[in-house]
Amino acid sequence: MLYFSVKDNGGGVEEETLVQLRELLQSEEINIEHNGLQNINRRIRLGYGGDSGLTIDSTEGKGFSVLLKLRKGEM
């Protein structure tokens, strides 16, 4: 696997928002509000396999992070 991590030390998001974003990444339903994030994750999974994709984490007041995981080699 190949991992890319992007982190900031900004305000982060509330726990409720984080849960909603995580659910969105796993959802098969199209969401208009965060469509870009969902589309990126879907394309990664289609191109690199189901165990690839985005993982997000945040602590309110301490920052936000996104981890991109890509399978190396053949699926």
PDB file of N, CA and C in Angstrom:
ATOM      1  N   MET A   1       0.844  -1.176   0.000  1.00  0.00           N
ATOM      2  CA  MET A   1       0.000   0.000   0.000  1.00  0.00           C
ATOM      3  C   MET A   1       0.890   1.241   0.000  1.00  0.00           C
ATOM      4  N   LEU A   2       0.358   2.286  -0.584  1.00  0.00           N
ATOM      5  CA  LEU A   2       1.016   3.582  -0.606  1.00  0.00           C
ATOM      6  C   LEU A   2       0.115   4.557   0.133  1.00  0.00           C
ATOM      7  N   TYR A   3       0.677   5.308   1.078  1.00  0.00           N
ATOM      8  CA  TYR A   3      -0.110   6.212   1.908  1.00  0.00           C
ATOM      9  C   TYR A   3       0.327   7.661   1.709  1.00  0.00           C
ATOM     10  N   PHE A   4      -0.657   8.547   1.615  1.00  0.00           N
ATOM     11  CA  PHE A   4      -0.433   9.992   1.607  1.00  0.00           C
ATOM     12  C   PHE A   4      -1.248  10.565   2.740  1.00  0.00           C
ATOM     13  N   SER A   5      -0.639  11.424   3.527  1.00  0.00           N
ATOM     14  CA  SER A   5      -1.335  12.025   4.657  1.00  0.00           C
ATOM     15  C   SER A   5      -1.221  13.549   4.582  1.00  0.00           C
ATOM     16  N   VAL A   6      -2.366  14.205   4.756  1.00  0.00           N
ATOM     17  CA  VAL A   6      -2.401  15.664   4.789  1.00  0.00           C
ATOM     18  C   VAL A   6      -3.058  16.071   6.099  1.00  0.00           C
ATOM     19  N   LYS A   7      -2.396  16.920   6.863  1.00  0.00           N
ATOM     20  CA  LYS A   7      -2.897  17.347   8.170  1.00  0.00           C
ATOM     21  C   LYS A   7      -2.790  18.859   8.306  1.00  0.00           C
ATOM     22  N   ASP A   8      -3.701  19.408   9.092  1.00  0.00           N
ATOM     23  CA  ASP A   8      -3.563  20.808   9.452  1.00  0.00           C
ATOM     24  C   ASP A   8      -3.773  20.963  10.954  1.00  0.00           C
ATOM     25  N   ASN A   9      -3.466  22.117  11.463  1.00  0.00           N
ATOM     26  CA  ASN A   9      -3.640  22.370  12.898  1.00  0.00           C
ATOM     27  C   ASN A   9      -4.708  23.436  13.119  1.00  0.00           C
ATOM     28  N   GLY A  10      -5.684  23.495  12.200  1.00  0.00           N
ATOM     29  CA  GLY A  10      -6.761  24.475  12.281  1.00  0.00           C
ATOM     30  C   GLY A  10      -7.808  24.101  13.316  1.00  0.00           C
ATOM     31  N   GLY A  11      -9.005  24.597  13.104  1.00  0.00           N
ATOM     32  CA  GLY A  11     -10.092  24.435  14.064  1.00  0.00           C
ATOM     33  C   GLY A  11     -10.740  23.069  14.091  1.00  0.00           C
ATOM     34  N   GLY A  12     -10.471  22.233  13.091  1.00  0.00           N
ATOM     35  CA  GLY A  12     -11.094  20.925  13.044  1.00  0.00           C
ATOM     36  C   GLY A  12     -12.600  21.038  12.849  1.00  0.00           C
ATOM     37  N   VAL A  13     -13.312  19.931  13.035  1.00  0.00           N
ATOM     38  CA  VAL A  13     -14.765  19.929  12.919  1.00  0.00           C
ATOM     39  C   VAL A  13     -15.368  19.244  14.136  1.00  0.00           C
ATOM     40  N   GLU A  14     -16.638  19.534  14.379  1.00  0.00           N
ATOM     41  CA  GLU A  14     -17.348  18.901  15.487  1.00  0.00           C
ATOM     42  C   GLU A  14     -17.477  17.406  15.229  1.00  0.00           C
ATOM     43  N   GLU A  15     -17.606  16.632  16.284  1.00  0.00           N
ATOM     44  CA  GLU A  15     -17.726  15.175  16.189  1.00  0.00           C
ATOM     45  C   GLU A  15     -18.898  14.772  15.289  1.00  0.00           C
ATOM     46  N   GLU A  16     -20.010  15.456  15.407  1.00  0.00           N
ATOM     47  CA  GLU A  16     -21.192  15.146  14.596  1.00  0.00           C
ATOM     48  C   GLU A  16     -20.894  15.309  13.105  1.00  0.00           C
ATOM     49  N   THR A  17     -20.186  16.362  12.746  1.00  0.00           N
ATOM     50  CA  THR A  17     -19.809  16.600  11.355  1.00  0.00           C
ATOM     51  C   THR A  17     -18.846  15.538  10.870  1.00  0.00           C
ATOM     52  N   LEU A  18     -17.909  15.154  11.711  1.00  0.00           N
ATOM     53  CA  LEU A  18     -16.944  14.113  11.354  1.00  0.00           C
ATOM     54  C   LEU A  18     -17.653  12.792  11.078  1.00  0.00           C
ATOM     55  N   VAL A  19     -18.603  12.437  11.919  1.00  0.00           N
ATOM     56  CA  VAL A  19     -19.373  11.202  11.721  1.00  0.00           C
ATOM     57  C   VAL A  19     -20.120  11.255  10.395  1.00  0.00           C
ATOM     58  N   GLN A  20     -20.731  12.387  10.085  1.00  0.00           N
ATOM     59  CA  GLN A  20     -21.464  12.538   8.825  1.00  0.00           C
ATOM     60  C   GLN A  20     -20.534  12.401   7.620  1.00  0.00           C
ATOM     61  N   LEU A  21     -19.361  12.993   7.691  1.00  0.00           N
ATOM     62  CA  LEU A  21     -18.398  12.902   6.591  1.00  0.00           C
ATOM     63  C   LEU A  21     -17.912  11.465   6.402  1.00  0.00           C
ATOM     64  N   ARG A  22     -17.658  10.771   7.482  1.00  0.00           N
ATOM     65  CA  ARG A  22     -17.220   9.374   7.389  1.00  0.00           C
ATOM     66  C   ARG A  22     -18.311   8.504   6.790  1.00  0.00           C
ATOM     67  N   GLU A  23     -19.549   8.723   7.203  1.00  0.00           N
ATOM     68  CA  GLU A  23     -20.671   7.970   6.640  1.00  0.00           C
ATOM     69  C   GLU A  23     -20.816   8.263   5.151  1.00  0.00           C
ATOM     70  N   LEU A  24     -20.623   9.501   4.776  1.00  0.00           N
ATOM     71  CA  LEU A  24     -20.720   9.903   3.380  1.00  0.00           C
ATOM     72  C   LEU A  24     -19.710   9.147   2.522  1.00  0.00           C
ATOM     73  N   LEU A  25     -18.490   8.997   3.016  1.00  0.00           N
ATOM     74  CA  LEU A  25     -17.456   8.300   2.256  1.00  0.00           C
ATOM     75  C   LEU A  25     -17.827   6.850   1.992  1.00  0.00           C
ATOM     76  N   GLN A  26     -18.591   6.241   2.882  1.00  0.00           N
ATOM     77  CA  GLN A  26     -18.978   4.841   2.734  1.00  0.00           C
ATOM     78  C   GLN A  26     -20.295   4.662   1.988  1.00  0.00           C
ATOM     79  N   SER A  27     -21.059   5.723   1.850  1.00  0.00           N
ATOM     80  CA  SER A  27     -22.406   5.657   1.286  1.00  0.00           C
ATOM     81  C   SER A  27     -22.392   5.462  -0.231  1.00  0.00           C
ATOM     82  N   GLU A  28     -23.377   4.720  -0.719  1.00  0.00           N
ATOM     83  CA  GLU A  28     -23.568   4.546  -2.155  1.00  0.00           C
ATOM     84  C   GLU A  28     -24.505   5.607  -2.716  1.00  0.00           C
ATOM     85  N   GLU A  29     -25.217   6.321  -1.842  1.00  0.00           N
ATOM     86  CA  GLU A  29     -26.135   7.365  -2.278  1.00  0.00           C
ATOM     87  C   GLU A  29     -25.352   8.622  -2.663  1.00  0.00           C
ATOM     88  N   ILE A  30     -25.804   9.294  -3.704  1.00  0.00           N
ATOM     89  CA  ILE A  30     -25.165  10.539  -4.140  1.00  0.00           C
ATOM     90  C   ILE A  30     -25.592  11.657  -3.195  1.00  0.00           C
ATOM     91  N   ASN A  31     -24.618  12.403  -2.692  1.00  0.00           N
ATOM     92  CA  ASN A  31     -24.880  13.509  -1.788  1.00  0.00           C
ATOM     93  C   ASN A  31     -24.475  14.802  -2.483  1.00  0.00           C
ATOM     94  N   ILE A  32     -25.397  15.722  -2.611  1.00  0.00           N
ATOM     95  CA  ILE A  32     -25.130  16.970  -3.325  1.00  0.00           C
ATOM     96  C   ILE A  32     -24.156  17.867  -2.559  1.00  0.00           C
ATOM     97  N   GLU A  33     -24.254  17.922  -1.238  1.00  0.00           N
ATOM     98  CA  GLU A  33     -23.466  18.854  -0.433  1.00  0.00           C
ATOM     99  C   GLU A  33     -21.964  18.569  -0.475  1.00  0.00           C
ATOM    100  N   HIS A  34     -21.584  17.310  -0.401  1.00  0.00           N
ATOM    101  CA  HIS A  34     -20.161  16.934  -0.371  1.00  0.00           C
ATOM    102  C   HIS A  34     -19.852  15.972  -1.515  1.00  0.00           C
ATOM    103  N   ASN A  35     -20.413  16.230  -2.669  1.00  0.00           N
ATOM    104  CA  ASN A  35     -20.294  15.351  -3.809  1.00  0.00           C
ATOM    105  C   ASN A  35     -18.841  15.140  -4.236  1.00  0.00           C
ATOM    106  N   GLY A  36     -18.009  16.174  -4.193  1.00  0.00           N
ATOM    107  CA  GLY A  36     -16.615  16.057  -4.614  1.00  0.00           C
ATOM    108  C   GLY A  36     -15.845  15.057  -3.776  1.00  0.00           C
ATOM    109  N   LEU A  37     -15.970  15.143  -2.479  1.00  0.00           N
ATOM    110  CA  LEU A  37     -15.290  14.221  -1.571  1.00  0.00           C
ATOM    111  C   LEU A  37     -15.734  12.787  -1.832  1.00  0.00           C
ATOM    112  N   GLN A  38     -17.017  12.602  -2.004  1.00  0.00           N
ATOM    113  CA  GLN A  38     -17.567  11.268  -2.248  1.00  0.00           C
ATOM    114  C   GLN A  38     -17.100  10.725  -3.605  1.00  0.00           C
ATOM    115  N   ASN A  39     -17.103  11.567  -4.638  1.00  0.00           N
ATOM    116  CA  ASN A  39     -16.665  11.133  -5.965  1.00  0.00           C
ATOM    117  C   ASN A  39     -15.195  10.742  -5.983  1.00  0.00           C
ATOM    118  N   ILE A  40     -14.369  11.516  -5.307  1.00  0.00           N
ATOM    119  CA  ILE A  40     -12.936  11.199  -5.246  1.00  0.00           C
ATOM    120  C   ILE A  40     -12.731   9.827  -4.608  1.00  0.00           C
ATOM    121  N   ASN A  41     -13.408   9.579  -3.498  1.00  0.00           N
ATOM    122  CA  ASN A  41     -13.256   8.298  -2.817  1.00  0.00           C
ATOM    123  C   ASN A  41     -13.744   7.151  -3.703  1.00  0.00           C
ATOM    124  N   ARG A  42     -14.853   7.343  -4.392  1.00  0.00           N
ATOM    125  CA  ARG A  42     -15.381   6.308  -5.293  1.00  0.00           C
ATOM    126  C   ARG A  42     -14.406   5.995  -6.417  1.00  0.00           C
ATOM    127  N   ARG A  43     -13.847   7.021  -7.019  1.00  0.00           N
ATOM    128  CA  ARG A  43     -12.904   6.815  -8.122  1.00  0.00           C
ATOM    129  C   ARG A  43     -11.639   6.099  -7.656  1.00  0.00           C
ATOM    130  N   ILE A  44     -11.167   6.440  -6.479  1.00  0.00           N
ATOM    131  CA  ILE A  44      -9.980   5.767  -5.927  1.00  0.00           C
ATOM    132  C   ILE A  44     -10.274   4.279  -5.760  1.00  0.00           C
ATOM    133  N   ARG A  45     -11.423   3.950  -5.190  1.00  0.00           N
ATOM    134  CA  ARG A  45     -11.776   2.544  -4.968  1.00  0.00           C
ATOM    135  C   ARG A  45     -11.941   1.783  -6.279  1.00  0.00           C
ATOM    136  N   LEU A  46     -12.546   2.435  -7.278  1.00  0.00           N
ATOM    137  CA  LEU A  46     -12.711   1.783  -8.575  1.00  0.00           C
ATOM    138  C   LEU A  46     -11.362   1.536  -9.248  1.00  0.00           C
ATOM    139  N   GLY A  47     -10.462   2.487  -9.151  1.00  0.00           N
ATOM    140  CA  GLY A  47      -9.172   2.380  -9.823  1.00  0.00           C
ATOM    141  C   GLY A  47      -8.137   1.535  -9.103  1.00  0.00           C
ATOM    142  N   TYR A  48      -8.202   1.515  -7.771  1.00  0.00           N
ATOM    143  CA  TYR A  48      -7.143   0.859  -6.995  1.00  0.00           C
ATOM    144  C   TYR A  48      -7.635  -0.288  -6.120  1.00  0.00           C
ATOM    145  N   GLY A  49      -8.923  -0.541  -6.109  1.00  0.00           N
ATOM    146  CA  GLY A  49      -9.467  -1.639  -5.312  1.00  0.00           C
ATOM    147  C   GLY A  49     -10.187  -1.152  -4.073  1.00  0.00           C
ATOM    148  N   GLY A  50     -11.064  -1.993  -3.571  1.00  0.00           N
ATOM    149  CA  GLY A  50     -11.935  -1.635  -2.448  1.00  0.00           C
ATOM    150  C   GLY A  50     -11.237  -1.329  -1.143  1.00  0.00           C
ATOM    151  N   ASP A  51     -10.003  -1.793  -0.971  1.00  0.00           N
ATOM    152  CA  ASP A  51      -9.298  -1.499   0.273  1.00  0.00           C
ATOM    153  C   ASP A  51      -8.531  -0.173   0.181  1.00  0.00           C
ATOM    154  N   SER A  52      -8.610   0.487  -0.962  1.00  0.00           N
ATOM    155  CA  SER A  52      -8.018   1.812  -1.130  1.00  0.00           C
ATOM    156  C   SER A  52      -9.080   2.862  -0.825  1.00  0.00           C
ATOM    157  N   GLY A  53      -8.659   4.101  -0.589  1.00  0.00           N
ATOM    158  CA  GLY A  53      -9.628   5.166  -0.388  1.00  0.00           C
ATOM    159  C   GLY A  53      -9.163   6.209   0.611  1.00  0.00           C
ATOM    160  N   LEU A  54     -10.104   7.074   0.990  1.00  0.00           N
ATOM    161  CA  LEU A  54      -9.840   8.166   1.910  1.00  0.00           C
ATOM    162  C   LEU A  54     -10.300   7.817   3.315  1.00  0.00           C
ATOM    163  N   THR A  55      -9.549   8.269   4.290  1.00  0.00           N
ATOM    164  CA  THR A  55      -9.938   8.195   5.692  1.00  0.00           C
ATOM    165  C   THR A  55      -9.765   9.593   6.260  1.00  0.00           C
ATOM    166  N   ILE A  56     -10.779  10.068   6.967  1.00  0.00           N
ATOM    167  CA  ILE A  56     -10.679  11.410   7.539  1.00  0.00           C
ATOM    168  C   ILE A  56     -10.746  11.337   9.052  1.00  0.00           C
ATOM    169  N   ASP A  57     -10.076  12.284   9.685  1.00  0.00           N
ATOM    170  CA  ASP A  57     -10.069  12.367  11.141  1.00  0.00           C
ATOM    171  C   ASP A  57      -9.975  13.833  11.531  1.00  0.00           C
ATOM    172  N   SER A  58     -10.512  14.144  12.683  1.00  0.00           N
ATOM    173  CA  SER A  58     -10.469  15.519  13.157  1.00  0.00           C
ATOM    174  C   SER A  58     -10.701  15.548  14.654  1.00  0.00           C
ATOM    175  N   THR A  59     -10.094  16.516  15.288  1.00  0.00           N
ATOM    176  CA  THR A  59     -10.356  16.823  16.686  1.00  0.00           C
ATOM    177  C   THR A  59     -10.684  18.301  16.746  1.00  0.00           C
ATOM    178  N   GLU A  60     -11.874  18.595  17.230  1.00  0.00           N
ATOM    179  CA  GLU A  60     -12.313  19.982  17.270  1.00  0.00           C
ATOM    180  C   GLU A  60     -11.303  20.830  18.031  1.00  0.00           C
ATOM    181  N   GLY A  61     -10.880  21.913  17.410  1.00  0.00           N
ATOM    182  CA  GLY A  61      -9.913  22.814  18.018  1.00  0.00           C
ATOM    183  C   GLY A  61      -8.462  22.409  17.823  1.00  0.00           C
ATOM    184  N   LYS A  62      -8.218  21.233  17.217  1.00  0.00           N
ATOM    185  CA  LYS A  62      -6.842  20.761  17.066  1.00  0.00           C
ATOM    186  C   LYS A  62      -6.445  20.403  15.645  1.00  0.00           C
ATOM    187  N   GLY A  63      -7.401  20.352  14.713  1.00  0.00           N
ATOM    188  CA  GLY A  63      -7.002  20.088  13.343  1.00  0.00           C
ATOM    189  C   GLY A  63      -7.833  19.051  12.628  1.00  0.00           C
ATOM    190  N   PHE A  64      -7.446  18.808  11.386  1.00  0.00           N
ATOM    191  CA  PHE A  64      -8.153  17.922  10.475  1.00  0.00           C
ATOM    192  C   PHE A  64      -7.113  17.156   9.684  1.00  0.00           C
ATOM    193  N   SER A  65      -7.381  15.882   9.374  1.00  0.00           N
ATOM    194  CA  SER A  65      -6.439  15.113   8.569  1.00  0.00           C
ATOM    195  C   SER A  65      -7.181  14.218   7.583  1.00  0.00           C
ATOM    196  N   VAL A  66      -6.535  13.994   6.446  1.00  0.00           N
ATOM    197  CA  VAL A  66      -7.046  13.092   5.427  1.00  0.00           C
ATOM    198  C   VAL A  66      -5.917  12.136   5.076  1.00  0.00           C
ATOM    199  N   LEU A  67      -6.227  10.848   5.086  1.00  0.00           N
ATOM    200  CA  LEU A  67      -5.265   9.815   4.712  1.00  0.00           C
ATOM    201  C   LEU A  67      -5.749   9.181   3.421  1.00  0.00           C
ATOM    202  N   LEU A  68      -4.903   9.156   2.403  1.00  0.00           N
ATOM    203  CA  LEU A  68      -5.203   8.511   1.130  1.00  0.00           C
ATOM    204  C   LEU A  68      -4.393   7.227   1.074  1.00  0.00           C
ATOM    205  N   LYS A  69      -5.097   6.122   0.865  1.00  0.00           N
ATOM    206  CA  LYS A  69      -4.449   4.805   0.823  1.00  0.00           C
ATOM    207  C   LYS A  69      -4.676   4.211  -0.564  1.00  0.00           C
ATOM    208  N   LEU A  70      -3.565   3.869  -1.259  1.00  0.00           N
ATOM    209  CA  LEU A  70      -3.633   3.297  -2.597  1.00  0.00           C
ATOM    210  C   LEU A  70      -2.922   1.956  -2.629  1.00  0.00           C
ATOM    211  N   ARG A  71      -3.562   1.009  -3.286  1.00  0.00           N
ATOM    212  CA  ARG A  71      -2.930  -0.301  -3.463  1.00  0.00           C
ATOM    213  C   ARG A  71      -1.854  -0.190  -4.536  1.00  0.00           C
ATOM    214  N   LYS A  72      -0.701  -0.750  -4.281  1.00  0.00           N
ATOM    215  CA  LYS A  72       0.374  -0.788  -5.268  1.00  0.00           C
ATOM    216  C   LYS A  72       0.304  -2.112  -6.004  1.00  0.00           C
ATOM    217  N   GLY A  73       0.555  -2.087  -7.282  1.00  0.00           N
ATOM    218  CA  GLY A  73       0.553  -3.328  -8.051  1.00  0.00           C
ATOM    219  C   GLY A  73      -0.840  -3.701  -8.518  1.00  0.00           C
ATOM    220  N   GLU A  74      -0.991  -4.957  -8.916  1.00  0.00           N
ATOM    221  CA  GLU A  74      -2.257  -5.432  -9.455  1.00  0.00           C
ATOM    222  C   GLU A  74      -3.279  -5.686  -8.375  1.00  0.00           C
ATOM    223  N   MET A  75      -4.564  -5.556  -8.766  1.00  0.00           N
ATOM    224  CA  MET A  75      -5.664  -5.818  -7.825  1.00  0.00           C
ATOM    225  C   MET A  75      -5.953  -7.286  -7.756  1.00  0.00           C
TER     226      MET A  75
END
